[in-house]
N, C-alpha and C. Protein backbone atom coordinates (compact mmCIF):
# COMPACT_ATOMS: atom_id res chain seq x y z
N MET A 1 11.66 -10.79 -0.14
CA MET A 1 12.72 -10.11 -0.85
C MET A 1 12.83 -8.69 -0.28
N PRO A 2 13.91 -8.38 0.45
CA PRO A 2 14.05 -7.03 1.02
C PRO A 2 14.03 -5.96 -0.07
N ARG A 3 13.54 -4.79 0.33
CA ARG A 3 13.51 -3.68 -0.60
C ARG A 3 13.89 -2.40 0.12
N ARG A 4 14.25 -1.41 -0.69
CA ARG A 4 14.54 -0.09 -0.15
C ARG A 4 13.76 0.92 -0.96
N ASP A 5 13.07 1.81 -0.26
CA ASP A 5 12.31 2.88 -0.92
C ASP A 5 13.18 4.12 -1.02
N TYR A 6 13.16 4.75 -2.18
CA TYR A 6 13.85 6.03 -2.40
C TYR A 6 12.81 7.03 -2.86
N GLU A 7 12.79 8.19 -2.23
CA GLU A 7 11.89 9.26 -2.66
C GLU A 7 12.68 10.53 -2.81
N ASP A 8 12.73 11.04 -4.05
CA ASP A 8 13.46 12.27 -4.37
C ASP A 8 14.88 12.24 -3.83
N ASP A 9 15.53 11.10 -3.98
CA ASP A 9 16.90 10.90 -3.50
C ASP A 9 17.84 10.93 -4.70
N PRO A 10 18.76 11.91 -4.77
CA PRO A 10 19.67 11.98 -5.92
C PRO A 10 20.58 10.76 -6.03
N ASN A 11 20.72 9.99 -4.97
CA ASN A 11 21.56 8.79 -4.99
C ASN A 11 20.77 7.52 -5.30
N ALA A 12 19.49 7.66 -5.61
CA ALA A 12 18.66 6.50 -5.92
C ALA A 12 19.12 5.84 -7.21
N PRO A 13 19.03 4.52 -7.27
CA PRO A 13 19.36 3.85 -8.52
C PRO A 13 18.30 4.18 -9.58
N GLU A 14 18.67 4.04 -10.84
CA GLU A 14 17.75 4.33 -11.94
C GLU A 14 16.73 3.20 -12.08
N ALA A 15 15.48 3.56 -12.28
CA ALA A 15 14.42 2.57 -12.46
C ALA A 15 14.67 1.74 -13.71
N ASN A 16 14.35 0.44 -13.60
CA ASN A 16 14.46 -0.45 -14.75
C ASN A 16 13.17 -1.22 -15.00
N SER A 17 12.11 -0.90 -14.23
CA SER A 17 10.80 -1.52 -14.47
C SER A 17 9.69 -0.58 -14.01
N LEU A 18 8.54 -0.80 -14.59
CA LEU A 18 7.32 -0.05 -14.24
C LEU A 18 6.22 -1.08 -14.10
N VAL A 19 5.68 -1.22 -12.89
CA VAL A 19 4.73 -2.28 -12.60
C VAL A 19 3.45 -1.69 -12.02
N PRO A 20 2.29 -1.97 -12.64
CA PRO A 20 1.04 -1.50 -12.04
C PRO A 20 0.79 -2.21 -10.71
N ALA A 21 0.32 -1.45 -9.73
CA ALA A 21 0.06 -2.00 -8.40
C ALA A 21 -1.13 -1.30 -7.78
N ALA A 22 -1.69 -1.95 -6.78
CA ALA A 22 -2.80 -1.36 -6.02
C ALA A 22 -2.48 -1.45 -4.54
N SER A 23 -2.95 -0.46 -3.79
CA SER A 23 -2.96 -0.53 -2.34
C SER A 23 -4.38 -0.17 -1.92
N VAL A 24 -4.73 -0.53 -0.68
CA VAL A 24 -6.10 -0.31 -0.24
C VAL A 24 -6.11 0.28 1.17
N VAL A 25 -6.81 1.40 1.32
CA VAL A 25 -7.13 1.95 2.63
C VAL A 25 -8.44 1.27 3.04
N VAL A 26 -8.33 0.28 3.91
CA VAL A 26 -9.50 -0.47 4.38
C VAL A 26 -9.95 0.18 5.68
N VAL A 27 -11.21 0.64 5.71
CA VAL A 27 -11.74 1.35 6.88
C VAL A 27 -12.94 0.57 7.41
N ASP A 28 -12.90 0.23 8.71
CA ASP A 28 -14.02 -0.51 9.31
C ASP A 28 -15.11 0.45 9.80
N ASP A 29 -16.18 -0.10 10.34
CA ASP A 29 -17.33 0.70 10.78
C ASP A 29 -16.98 1.66 11.91
N ALA A 30 -15.90 1.38 12.65
CA ALA A 30 -15.45 2.26 13.73
C ALA A 30 -14.52 3.35 13.23
N GLY A 31 -14.23 3.38 11.91
CA GLY A 31 -13.35 4.39 11.35
C GLY A 31 -11.88 4.06 11.45
N ARG A 32 -11.57 2.83 11.84
CA ARG A 32 -10.17 2.41 11.95
C ARG A 32 -9.66 1.94 10.59
N VAL A 33 -8.35 2.08 10.40
CA VAL A 33 -7.71 1.68 9.14
C VAL A 33 -6.85 0.43 9.38
N LEU A 34 -6.83 -0.45 8.40
CA LEU A 34 -6.10 -1.70 8.46
C LEU A 34 -4.68 -1.50 7.94
N LEU A 35 -3.69 -1.89 8.75
CA LEU A 35 -2.29 -1.78 8.34
C LEU A 35 -1.56 -3.08 8.64
N GLN A 36 -0.48 -3.28 7.92
CA GLN A 36 0.39 -4.42 8.15
C GLN A 36 1.83 -3.92 8.33
N ARG A 37 2.58 -4.61 9.18
CA ARG A 37 4.01 -4.30 9.29
C ARG A 37 4.75 -5.28 8.40
N ARG A 38 5.38 -4.75 7.36
CA ARG A 38 5.97 -5.54 6.28
C ARG A 38 7.23 -6.29 6.71
N THR A 39 7.41 -7.47 6.16
CA THR A 39 8.62 -8.25 6.43
C THR A 39 9.81 -7.74 5.63
N ASP A 40 9.57 -7.08 4.48
CA ASP A 40 10.70 -6.68 3.63
C ASP A 40 11.38 -5.39 4.06
N ASN A 41 10.67 -4.56 4.84
CA ASN A 41 11.33 -3.33 5.31
C ASN A 41 11.00 -2.99 6.76
N GLY A 42 10.16 -3.78 7.42
CA GLY A 42 9.83 -3.56 8.82
C GLY A 42 8.90 -2.40 9.10
N MET A 43 8.42 -1.75 8.06
CA MET A 43 7.56 -0.57 8.21
C MET A 43 6.09 -0.95 8.12
N TRP A 44 5.25 -0.08 8.71
CA TRP A 44 3.80 -0.24 8.59
C TRP A 44 3.37 0.24 7.21
N ALA A 45 2.40 -0.47 6.64
CA ALA A 45 1.97 -0.15 5.28
C ALA A 45 0.53 -0.57 5.06
N LEU A 46 -0.03 -0.04 4.01
CA LEU A 46 -1.34 -0.49 3.54
C LEU A 46 -1.16 -1.82 2.83
N PRO A 47 -2.18 -2.68 2.85
CA PRO A 47 -2.07 -3.88 2.04
C PRO A 47 -2.04 -3.50 0.56
N GLY A 48 -1.31 -4.26 -0.22
CA GLY A 48 -1.26 -3.98 -1.65
C GLY A 48 -0.09 -4.65 -2.31
N GLY A 49 -0.06 -4.55 -3.64
CA GLY A 49 1.03 -5.13 -4.39
C GLY A 49 0.77 -5.13 -5.87
N ARG A 50 1.58 -5.88 -6.56
CA ARG A 50 1.63 -5.95 -8.02
C ARG A 50 0.34 -6.54 -8.61
N MET A 51 -0.11 -5.90 -9.68
CA MET A 51 -1.28 -6.37 -10.41
C MET A 51 -0.87 -7.48 -11.37
N ASP A 52 -1.66 -8.54 -11.41
CA ASP A 52 -1.39 -9.66 -12.30
C ASP A 52 -2.09 -9.46 -13.64
N ILE A 53 -1.54 -10.06 -14.68
CA ILE A 53 -2.20 -10.06 -15.99
C ILE A 53 -3.56 -10.74 -15.85
N GLY A 54 -4.57 -10.15 -16.48
CA GLY A 54 -5.92 -10.69 -16.42
C GLY A 54 -6.71 -10.23 -15.20
N GLU A 55 -6.16 -9.32 -14.44
CA GLU A 55 -6.77 -8.86 -13.20
C GLU A 55 -7.08 -7.37 -13.31
N SER A 56 -8.19 -6.94 -12.75
CA SER A 56 -8.49 -5.51 -12.68
C SER A 56 -7.74 -4.90 -11.50
N ILE A 57 -7.65 -3.58 -11.47
CA ILE A 57 -6.97 -2.92 -10.35
C ILE A 57 -7.74 -3.17 -9.05
N ALA A 58 -9.08 -3.18 -9.11
CA ALA A 58 -9.88 -3.49 -7.92
C ALA A 58 -9.65 -4.93 -7.49
N GLY A 59 -9.62 -5.84 -8.44
CA GLY A 59 -9.35 -7.25 -8.12
C GLY A 59 -7.99 -7.43 -7.48
N CYS A 60 -7.01 -6.68 -7.96
CA CYS A 60 -5.68 -6.72 -7.37
C CYS A 60 -5.73 -6.28 -5.91
N GLY A 61 -6.41 -5.18 -5.63
CA GLY A 61 -6.51 -4.68 -4.26
C GLY A 61 -7.21 -5.67 -3.34
N ILE A 62 -8.27 -6.28 -3.84
CA ILE A 62 -9.00 -7.28 -3.05
C ILE A 62 -8.12 -8.48 -2.76
N ARG A 63 -7.44 -9.00 -3.78
CA ARG A 63 -6.58 -10.17 -3.62
C ARG A 63 -5.42 -9.89 -2.66
N GLU A 64 -4.74 -8.77 -2.89
CA GLU A 64 -3.59 -8.44 -2.05
C GLU A 64 -4.00 -8.24 -0.59
N THR A 65 -5.14 -7.61 -0.36
CA THR A 65 -5.60 -7.40 1.02
C THR A 65 -5.87 -8.74 1.70
N ARG A 66 -6.55 -9.63 0.99
CA ARG A 66 -6.84 -10.96 1.55
C ARG A 66 -5.54 -11.72 1.82
N GLU A 67 -4.60 -11.72 0.84
CA GLU A 67 -3.34 -12.46 1.00
C GLU A 67 -2.51 -11.94 2.16
N GLU A 68 -2.45 -10.63 2.30
CA GLU A 68 -1.54 -10.03 3.28
C GLU A 68 -2.13 -9.85 4.68
N THR A 69 -3.46 -9.80 4.78
CA THR A 69 -4.07 -9.50 6.09
C THR A 69 -5.14 -10.48 6.54
N GLY A 70 -5.65 -11.32 5.63
CA GLY A 70 -6.73 -12.23 5.97
C GLY A 70 -8.11 -11.60 5.88
N ILE A 71 -8.18 -10.32 5.54
CA ILE A 71 -9.46 -9.60 5.50
C ILE A 71 -9.98 -9.53 4.06
N ASP A 72 -11.25 -9.88 3.89
CA ASP A 72 -11.93 -9.73 2.60
C ASP A 72 -12.53 -8.34 2.54
N VAL A 73 -12.37 -7.68 1.39
CA VAL A 73 -12.85 -6.30 1.27
C VAL A 73 -13.71 -6.12 0.03
N GLU A 74 -14.49 -5.07 0.10
CA GLU A 74 -15.23 -4.55 -1.04
C GLU A 74 -14.63 -3.19 -1.36
N ILE A 75 -14.34 -2.94 -2.62
CA ILE A 75 -13.79 -1.64 -3.01
C ILE A 75 -14.94 -0.65 -3.14
N THR A 76 -14.77 0.51 -2.48
CA THR A 76 -15.84 1.52 -2.45
C THR A 76 -15.45 2.84 -3.08
N GLY A 77 -14.16 3.00 -3.45
CA GLY A 77 -13.74 4.26 -4.03
C GLY A 77 -12.26 4.27 -4.31
N ILE A 78 -11.77 5.45 -4.57
CA ILE A 78 -10.35 5.64 -4.87
C ILE A 78 -9.80 6.74 -3.99
N VAL A 79 -8.61 6.53 -3.47
CA VAL A 79 -7.91 7.54 -2.69
C VAL A 79 -7.07 8.41 -3.62
N GLY A 80 -6.39 7.78 -4.59
CA GLY A 80 -5.59 8.54 -5.53
C GLY A 80 -4.71 7.65 -6.38
N THR A 81 -4.04 8.27 -7.35
CA THR A 81 -3.06 7.58 -8.17
C THR A 81 -1.69 8.14 -7.85
N TYR A 82 -0.69 7.27 -7.83
CA TYR A 82 0.65 7.64 -7.40
C TYR A 82 1.65 7.10 -8.41
N THR A 83 2.23 8.03 -9.19
CA THR A 83 3.13 7.64 -10.28
C THR A 83 4.39 8.50 -10.29
N ASP A 84 4.82 8.97 -9.16
CA ASP A 84 5.98 9.85 -9.04
C ASP A 84 7.25 9.15 -9.52
N PRO A 85 7.89 9.62 -10.62
CA PRO A 85 9.13 8.99 -11.07
C PRO A 85 10.28 9.18 -10.09
N GLY A 86 10.11 10.08 -9.13
CA GLY A 86 11.12 10.28 -8.09
C GLY A 86 11.03 9.27 -6.97
N HIS A 87 10.02 8.41 -7.02
CA HIS A 87 9.87 7.36 -6.01
C HIS A 87 10.15 6.02 -6.68
N VAL A 88 11.24 5.37 -6.26
CA VAL A 88 11.59 4.06 -6.78
C VAL A 88 11.77 3.07 -5.64
N LEU A 89 11.52 1.81 -5.95
CA LEU A 89 11.67 0.71 -5.00
C LEU A 89 12.77 -0.19 -5.52
N ALA A 90 13.84 -0.35 -4.75
CA ALA A 90 14.97 -1.19 -5.16
C ALA A 90 14.92 -2.51 -4.41
N TYR A 91 14.97 -3.61 -5.17
CA TYR A 91 14.91 -4.96 -4.61
C TYR A 91 16.27 -5.63 -4.71
N ASP A 92 16.49 -6.62 -3.86
CA ASP A 92 17.76 -7.35 -3.82
C ASP A 92 18.10 -8.04 -5.13
N ASP A 93 17.11 -8.38 -5.92
CA ASP A 93 17.37 -9.10 -7.17
C ASP A 93 17.79 -8.17 -8.31
N GLY A 94 17.93 -6.86 -8.03
CA GLY A 94 18.36 -5.89 -9.04
C GLY A 94 17.24 -5.11 -9.69
N GLU A 95 16.00 -5.50 -9.43
CA GLU A 95 14.88 -4.73 -9.97
C GLU A 95 14.80 -3.40 -9.23
N VAL A 96 14.63 -2.32 -9.99
CA VAL A 96 14.40 -1.00 -9.42
C VAL A 96 13.12 -0.51 -10.08
N ARG A 97 12.05 -0.50 -9.32
CA ARG A 97 10.72 -0.26 -9.83
C ARG A 97 10.29 1.19 -9.62
N GLN A 98 9.89 1.85 -10.71
CA GLN A 98 9.25 3.16 -10.57
C GLN A 98 7.84 2.91 -10.05
N GLU A 99 7.42 3.75 -9.11
CA GLU A 99 6.08 3.61 -8.55
C GLU A 99 5.01 3.85 -9.62
N PHE A 100 4.03 2.97 -9.65
CA PHE A 100 2.81 3.16 -10.45
C PHE A 100 1.71 2.47 -9.67
N SER A 101 1.05 3.21 -8.80
CA SER A 101 0.09 2.60 -7.88
C SER A 101 -1.20 3.38 -7.83
N VAL A 102 -2.29 2.64 -7.79
CA VAL A 102 -3.60 3.22 -7.55
C VAL A 102 -3.99 2.82 -6.14
N CYS A 103 -4.28 3.80 -5.31
CA CYS A 103 -4.70 3.53 -3.94
C CYS A 103 -6.22 3.58 -3.88
N LEU A 104 -6.80 2.47 -3.48
CA LEU A 104 -8.24 2.32 -3.44
C LEU A 104 -8.76 2.47 -2.02
N LEU A 105 -10.04 2.69 -1.90
CA LEU A 105 -10.72 2.74 -0.61
C LEU A 105 -11.59 1.49 -0.51
N GLY A 106 -11.58 0.84 0.63
CA GLY A 106 -12.36 -0.37 0.79
C GLY A 106 -12.94 -0.50 2.17
N ARG A 107 -13.88 -1.43 2.29
CA ARG A 107 -14.47 -1.75 3.59
C ARG A 107 -14.42 -3.25 3.79
N PRO A 108 -14.21 -3.69 5.04
CA PRO A 108 -14.14 -5.13 5.29
C PRO A 108 -15.51 -5.78 5.14
N VAL A 109 -15.52 -6.98 4.55
CA VAL A 109 -16.78 -7.72 4.40
C VAL A 109 -16.66 -9.14 4.95
N GLY A 110 -15.50 -9.49 5.50
CA GLY A 110 -15.31 -10.83 6.05
C GLY A 110 -13.86 -11.10 6.33
N GLY A 111 -13.59 -12.35 6.70
CA GLY A 111 -12.23 -12.77 6.98
C GLY A 111 -11.83 -12.49 8.42
N GLU A 112 -10.62 -12.92 8.75
CA GLU A 112 -10.06 -12.71 10.09
C GLU A 112 -8.62 -12.25 9.96
N LEU A 113 -8.22 -11.33 10.84
CA LEU A 113 -6.85 -10.84 10.83
C LEU A 113 -5.86 -11.98 10.96
N ARG A 114 -4.84 -11.96 10.10
CA ARG A 114 -3.75 -12.92 10.19
C ARG A 114 -2.54 -12.34 9.47
N VAL A 115 -1.37 -12.76 9.90
CA VAL A 115 -0.16 -12.34 9.21
C VAL A 115 0.07 -13.27 8.02
N SER A 116 0.98 -12.86 7.15
CA SER A 116 1.34 -13.66 5.98
C SER A 116 2.86 -13.68 5.87
N ASP A 117 3.38 -14.26 4.80
CA ASP A 117 4.83 -14.23 4.62
C ASP A 117 5.32 -12.82 4.29
N GLU A 118 4.40 -11.89 4.05
CA GLU A 118 4.76 -10.50 3.76
C GLU A 118 4.56 -9.56 4.94
N SER A 119 4.02 -10.09 6.08
CA SER A 119 3.74 -9.21 7.21
C SER A 119 4.11 -9.85 8.54
N HIS A 120 4.69 -9.02 9.44
CA HIS A 120 5.00 -9.45 10.81
C HIS A 120 3.79 -9.26 11.71
N GLU A 121 3.05 -8.19 11.46
CA GLU A 121 1.89 -7.83 12.28
C GLU A 121 0.80 -7.28 11.36
N VAL A 122 -0.44 -7.46 11.77
CA VAL A 122 -1.58 -6.88 11.08
C VAL A 122 -2.52 -6.35 12.17
N ALA A 123 -2.98 -5.10 12.02
CA ALA A 123 -3.81 -4.52 13.07
C ALA A 123 -4.65 -3.37 12.53
N TRP A 124 -5.70 -3.05 13.30
CA TRP A 124 -6.55 -1.89 13.02
C TRP A 124 -6.08 -0.72 13.87
N PHE A 125 -6.06 0.48 13.29
CA PHE A 125 -5.63 1.69 14.00
C PHE A 125 -6.61 2.82 13.75
N SER A 126 -6.82 3.64 14.79
CA SER A 126 -7.57 4.88 14.55
C SER A 126 -6.68 5.78 13.70
N PRO A 127 -7.26 6.72 12.95
CA PRO A 127 -6.43 7.62 12.15
C PRO A 127 -5.33 8.30 12.97
N ALA A 128 -5.66 8.75 14.18
CA ALA A 128 -4.67 9.43 15.01
C ALA A 128 -3.54 8.50 15.42
N GLU A 129 -3.83 7.22 15.64
CA GLU A 129 -2.80 6.26 16.04
C GLU A 129 -1.78 6.03 14.92
N THR A 130 -2.15 6.27 13.67
CA THR A 130 -1.21 6.05 12.57
C THR A 130 -0.11 7.10 12.56
N ASP A 131 -0.33 8.24 13.20
CA ASP A 131 0.67 9.31 13.20
C ASP A 131 2.01 8.87 13.79
N GLY A 132 1.99 8.01 14.78
CA GLY A 132 3.21 7.59 15.45
C GLY A 132 3.85 6.34 14.89
N LEU A 133 3.28 5.77 13.85
CA LEU A 133 3.81 4.52 13.29
C LEU A 133 4.92 4.79 12.27
N ALA A 134 5.91 3.93 12.28
CA ALA A 134 6.99 4.02 11.29
C ALA A 134 6.46 3.54 9.94
N MET A 135 6.55 4.40 8.93
CA MET A 135 6.15 4.02 7.57
C MET A 135 6.90 4.87 6.57
N VAL A 136 7.02 4.37 5.36
CA VAL A 136 7.71 5.12 4.32
C VAL A 136 6.84 6.31 3.91
N PRO A 137 7.45 7.37 3.41
CA PRO A 137 6.70 8.58 3.06
C PRO A 137 5.55 8.35 2.07
N SER A 138 5.71 7.42 1.12
CA SER A 138 4.64 7.21 0.14
C SER A 138 3.38 6.64 0.80
N VAL A 139 3.53 5.80 1.81
CA VAL A 139 2.37 5.29 2.53
C VAL A 139 1.75 6.41 3.37
N ARG A 140 2.59 7.21 3.99
CA ARG A 140 2.10 8.35 4.77
C ARG A 140 1.29 9.29 3.88
N LYS A 141 1.75 9.52 2.63
CA LYS A 141 1.00 10.37 1.69
C LYS A 141 -0.38 9.83 1.44
N ARG A 142 -0.49 8.53 1.23
CA ARG A 142 -1.79 7.93 0.96
C ARG A 142 -2.74 8.10 2.15
N LEU A 143 -2.22 7.85 3.35
CA LEU A 143 -3.05 8.03 4.55
C LEU A 143 -3.47 9.49 4.73
N THR A 144 -2.54 10.39 4.48
CA THR A 144 -2.86 11.82 4.58
C THR A 144 -3.92 12.21 3.56
N ASP A 145 -3.78 11.71 2.33
CA ASP A 145 -4.77 12.01 1.30
C ASP A 145 -6.13 11.45 1.67
N TRP A 146 -6.16 10.22 2.20
CA TRP A 146 -7.43 9.63 2.65
C TRP A 146 -8.04 10.47 3.77
N ARG A 147 -7.24 10.83 4.75
CA ARG A 147 -7.76 11.60 5.89
C ARG A 147 -8.26 12.97 5.47
N SER A 148 -7.65 13.58 4.45
CA SER A 148 -8.06 14.91 4.02
C SER A 148 -9.33 14.87 3.16
N GLY A 149 -9.62 13.69 2.60
CA GLY A 149 -10.79 13.57 1.74
C GLY A 149 -10.55 14.05 0.32
N ALA A 150 -9.39 14.62 0.04
CA ALA A 150 -9.07 15.08 -1.29
C ALA A 150 -8.62 13.90 -2.13
N ILE A 151 -8.96 13.90 -3.41
CA ILE A 151 -8.53 12.84 -4.30
C ILE A 151 -7.46 13.41 -5.24
N PRO A 152 -6.19 13.10 -4.95
CA PRO A 152 -5.14 13.57 -5.86
C PRO A 152 -5.20 12.75 -7.15
N VAL A 153 -5.29 13.41 -8.26
CA VAL A 153 -5.41 12.71 -9.53
C VAL A 153 -4.08 12.09 -9.92
N VAL A 154 -3.00 12.82 -9.72
CA VAL A 154 -1.68 12.32 -10.10
C VAL A 154 -0.68 12.70 -9.03
N ARG A 155 0.15 11.74 -8.65
CA ARG A 155 1.25 11.99 -7.72
C ARG A 155 2.50 11.39 -8.30
């Protein structure tokens, strides 16, 4: 389902849903970060998505990472929480979702890289290599926050 991200855009549609979600900065022993190029917008992103009823936020991050990249992870920390009402995601079905995401930190514990129906490509990148990748500003914020080591409590 294609989507469009709006950040602090006065022409953005009004949000009509609020959905808890998790994303994960997965870092391997070489210090590389795991990213996927999404099918819905063509941009590079962290693995992540909507939290299901009966699931913890960590469980959501683990499940989404496995589904989208083939990599099994262990959650080791938190990068930050992101709840900016100025950031909305508009989907073709009419849903306009206000961001409510917890970005977790994880390490790989198994699995093999593979694409899914949500990703065109999946790859490991050094932090410096991520600078040149096309990604939406909210994903760039998460990577910047991870690289700085600061934990933003609220975004």
